[in-house]
Amino acid sequence: MKFTRCMVMLLCVLLLAGLAACAEEYRTLSIGDRGEDVTRLKKRLYELGYFSTASFGQEYTKNTAEKVRRFISKYGEDGDAATPEVQARLY
């Protein structure tokens, strides 16, 4: 019993540490943001079928927000910002 409890606690700690690492890797992206990370996000959404063309700029537009909203809704969540948690799911 004691061993099992310790193992469960260890797994929880490792899981939380992994989630924290993911959260630090990405910045929250929302409408108006620009950068290579926005282009990377759009490319991944294209790979998953959310965009129909592979031509991307570096700006997080309303169209990008709509694609993110559609992706997030698969998990029963709301929003249109690509939070670190959302990006961790994407990649």
C-alpha atoms as a PDB file:
ATOM      1  CA  MET A   1       0.000   0.000   0.000  1.00  0.00           C
ATOM      2  CA  LYS A   2       2.695   2.435   1.047  1.00  0.00           C
ATOM      3  CA  PHE A   3       4.761   1.683  -2.061  1.00  0.00           C
ATOM      4  CA  THR A   4       1.744   2.147  -4.336  1.00  0.00           C
ATOM      5  CA  ARG A   5       0.875   5.465  -2.715  1.00  0.00           C
ATOM      6  CA  CYS A   6       4.468   6.681  -3.157  1.00  0.00           C
ATOM      7  CA  MET A   7       4.458   5.647  -6.810  1.00  0.00           C
ATOM      8  CA  VAL A   8       1.182   7.467  -7.454  1.00  0.00           C
ATOM      9  CA  MET A   9       2.536  10.612  -5.795  1.00  0.00           C
ATOM     10  CA  LEU A  10       5.738  10.381  -7.839  1.00  0.00           C
ATOM     11  CA  LEU A  11       3.770  10.035 -11.074  1.00  0.00           C
ATOM     12  CA  CYS A  12       1.649  13.062 -10.156  1.00  0.00           C
ATOM     13  CA  VAL A  13       4.752  15.142  -9.483  1.00  0.00           C
ATOM     14  CA  LEU A  14       6.292  14.093 -12.799  1.00  0.00           C
ATOM     15  CA  LEU A  15       3.071  14.874 -14.665  1.00  0.00           C
ATOM     16  CA  LEU A  16       2.819  18.329 -13.093  1.00  0.00           C
ATOM     17  CA  ALA A  17       6.477  19.012 -13.867  1.00  0.00           C
ATOM     18  CA  GLY A  18       5.877  18.011 -17.481  1.00  0.00           C
ATOM     19  CA  LEU A  19       2.878  20.326 -17.783  1.00  0.00           C
ATOM     20  CA  ALA A  20       4.873  23.180 -16.268  1.00  0.00           C
ATOM     21  CA  ALA A  21       7.668  22.585 -18.786  1.00  0.00           C
ATOM     22  CA  CYS A  22       5.171  22.733 -21.651  1.00  0.00           C
ATOM     23  CA  ALA A  23       3.682  25.933 -20.307  1.00  0.00           C
ATOM     24  CA  GLU A  24       7.119  27.566 -20.232  1.00  0.00           C
ATOM     25  CA  GLU A  25       7.939  26.518 -23.792  1.00  0.00           C
ATOM     26  CA  TYR A  26       5.130  28.471 -25.444  1.00  0.00           C
ATOM     27  CA  ARG A  27       3.780  31.996 -25.088  1.00  0.00           C
ATOM     28  CA  THR A  28       0.059  32.687 -25.331  1.00  0.00           C
ATOM     29  CA  LEU A  29      -0.805  33.749 -28.866  1.00  0.00           C
ATOM     30  CA  SER A  30      -3.837  35.871 -29.666  1.00  0.00           C
ATOM     31  CA  ILE A  31      -5.151  38.230 -32.343  1.00  0.00           C
ATOM     32  CA  GLY A  32      -2.502  40.742 -33.401  1.00  0.00           C
ATOM     33  CA  ASP A  33       0.515  38.712 -32.264  1.00  0.00           C
ATOM     34  CA  ARG A  34       3.290  38.156 -34.800  1.00  0.00           C
ATOM     35  CA  GLY A  35       6.260  35.868 -35.074  1.00  0.00           C
ATOM     36  CA  GLU A  36       7.704  32.557 -36.143  1.00  0.00           C
ATOM     37  CA  ASP A  37       5.684  30.819 -33.436  1.00  0.00           C
ATOM     38  CA  VAL A  38       2.480  32.076 -35.085  1.00  0.00           C
ATOM     39  CA  THR A  39       3.615  30.672 -38.436  1.00  0.00           C
ATOM     40  CA  ARG A  40       4.468  27.368 -36.746  1.00  0.00           C
ATOM     41  CA  LEU A  41       1.006  27.274 -35.156  1.00  0.00           C
ATOM     42  CA  LYS A  42      -0.674  27.911 -38.516  1.00  0.00           C
ATOM     43  CA  LYS A  43       1.386  25.192 -40.191  1.00  0.00           C
ATOM     44  CA  ARG A  44       0.359  22.702 -37.521  1.00  0.00           C
ATOM     45  CA  LEU A  45      -3.296  23.662 -37.869  1.00  0.00           C
ATOM     46  CA  TYR A  46      -2.917  23.159 -41.628  1.00  0.00           C
ATOM     47  CA  GLU A  47      -1.431  19.687 -41.048  1.00  0.00           C
ATOM     48  CA  LEU A  48      -4.464  18.846 -38.913  1.00  0.00           C
ATOM     49  CA  GLY A  49      -6.877  20.035 -41.618  1.00  0.00           C
ATOM     50  CA  TYR A  50      -8.023  23.344 -40.120  1.00  0.00           C
ATOM     51  CA  PHE A  51      -6.598  25.449 -42.972  1.00  0.00           C
ATOM     52  CA  SER A  52      -7.242  24.553 -46.612  1.00  0.00           C
ATOM     53  CA  THR A  53      -4.137  26.264 -48.012  1.00  0.00           C
ATOM     54  CA  ALA A  54      -0.506  26.216 -46.949  1.00  0.00           C
ATOM     55  CA  SER A  55       0.159  29.933 -47.362  1.00  0.00           C
ATOM     56  CA  PHE A  56       0.816  31.574 -44.001  1.00  0.00           C
ATOM     57  CA  GLY A  57       1.843  34.963 -42.723  1.00  0.00           C
ATOM     58  CA  GLN A  58       3.308  35.641 -39.304  1.00  0.00           C
ATOM     59  CA  GLU A  59       0.234  37.396 -37.878  1.00  0.00           C
ATOM     60  CA  TYR A  60      -2.370  35.794 -35.619  1.00  0.00           C
ATOM     61  CA  THR A  61      -5.536  36.962 -37.375  1.00  0.00           C
ATOM     62  CA  LYS A  62      -9.255  36.554 -36.725  1.00  0.00           C
ATOM     63  CA  ASN A  63      -9.149  33.625 -39.148  1.00  0.00           C
ATOM     64  CA  THR A  64      -6.391  31.991 -37.090  1.00  0.00           C
ATOM     65  CA  ALA A  65      -8.414  32.576 -33.928  1.00  0.00           C
ATOM     66  CA  GLU A  66     -11.395  30.826 -35.526  1.00  0.00           C
ATOM     67  CA  LYS A  67      -9.271  27.794 -36.400  1.00  0.00           C
ATOM     68  CA  VAL A  68      -7.918  27.668 -32.837  1.00  0.00           C
ATOM     69  CA  ARG A  69     -11.471  27.995 -31.483  1.00  0.00           C
ATOM     70  CA  ARG A  70     -12.501  24.987 -33.584  1.00  0.00           C
ATOM     71  CA  PHE A  71      -9.516  22.977 -32.313  1.00  0.00           C
ATOM     72  CA  ILE A  72     -10.185  23.896 -28.679  1.00  0.00           C
ATOM     73  CA  SER A  73     -13.878  23.020 -28.952  1.00  0.00           C
ATOM     74  CA  LYS A  74     -12.896  19.379 -29.587  1.00  0.00           C
ATOM     75  CA  TYR A  75     -11.818  19.304 -25.950  1.00  0.00           C
ATOM     76  CA  GLY A  76     -15.000  20.921 -24.663  1.00  0.00           C
ATOM     77  CA  GLU A  77     -13.313  24.246 -23.990  1.00  0.00           C
ATOM     78  CA  ASP A  78     -13.966  27.816 -25.144  1.00  0.00           C
ATOM     79  CA  GLY A  79     -11.630  30.537 -26.349  1.00  0.00           C
ATOM     80  CA  ASP A  80      -9.646  31.613 -29.357  1.00  0.00           C
ATOM     81  CA  ALA A  81      -6.193  32.220 -27.872  1.00  0.00           C
ATOM     82  CA  ALA A  82      -3.464  29.639 -28.338  1.00  0.00           C
ATOM     83  CA  THR A  83      -2.408  29.227 -24.710  1.00  0.00           C
ATOM     84  CA  PRO A  84       0.653  27.162 -23.822  1.00  0.00           C
ATOM     85  CA  GLU A  85      -1.659  24.262 -22.932  1.00  0.00           C
ATOM     86  CA  VAL A  86      -3.439  24.465 -26.293  1.00  0.00           C
ATOM     87  CA  GLN A  87      -0.108  24.519 -28.117  1.00  0.00           C
ATOM     88  CA  ALA A  88       1.129  21.527 -26.114  1.00  0.00           C
ATOM     89  CA  ARG A  89      -1.917  19.603 -27.388  1.00  0.00           C
ATOM     90  CA  LEU A  90      -1.279  20.727 -30.956  1.00  0.00           C
ATOM     91  CA  TYR A  91       2.336  19.631 -31.027  1.00  0.00           C
END
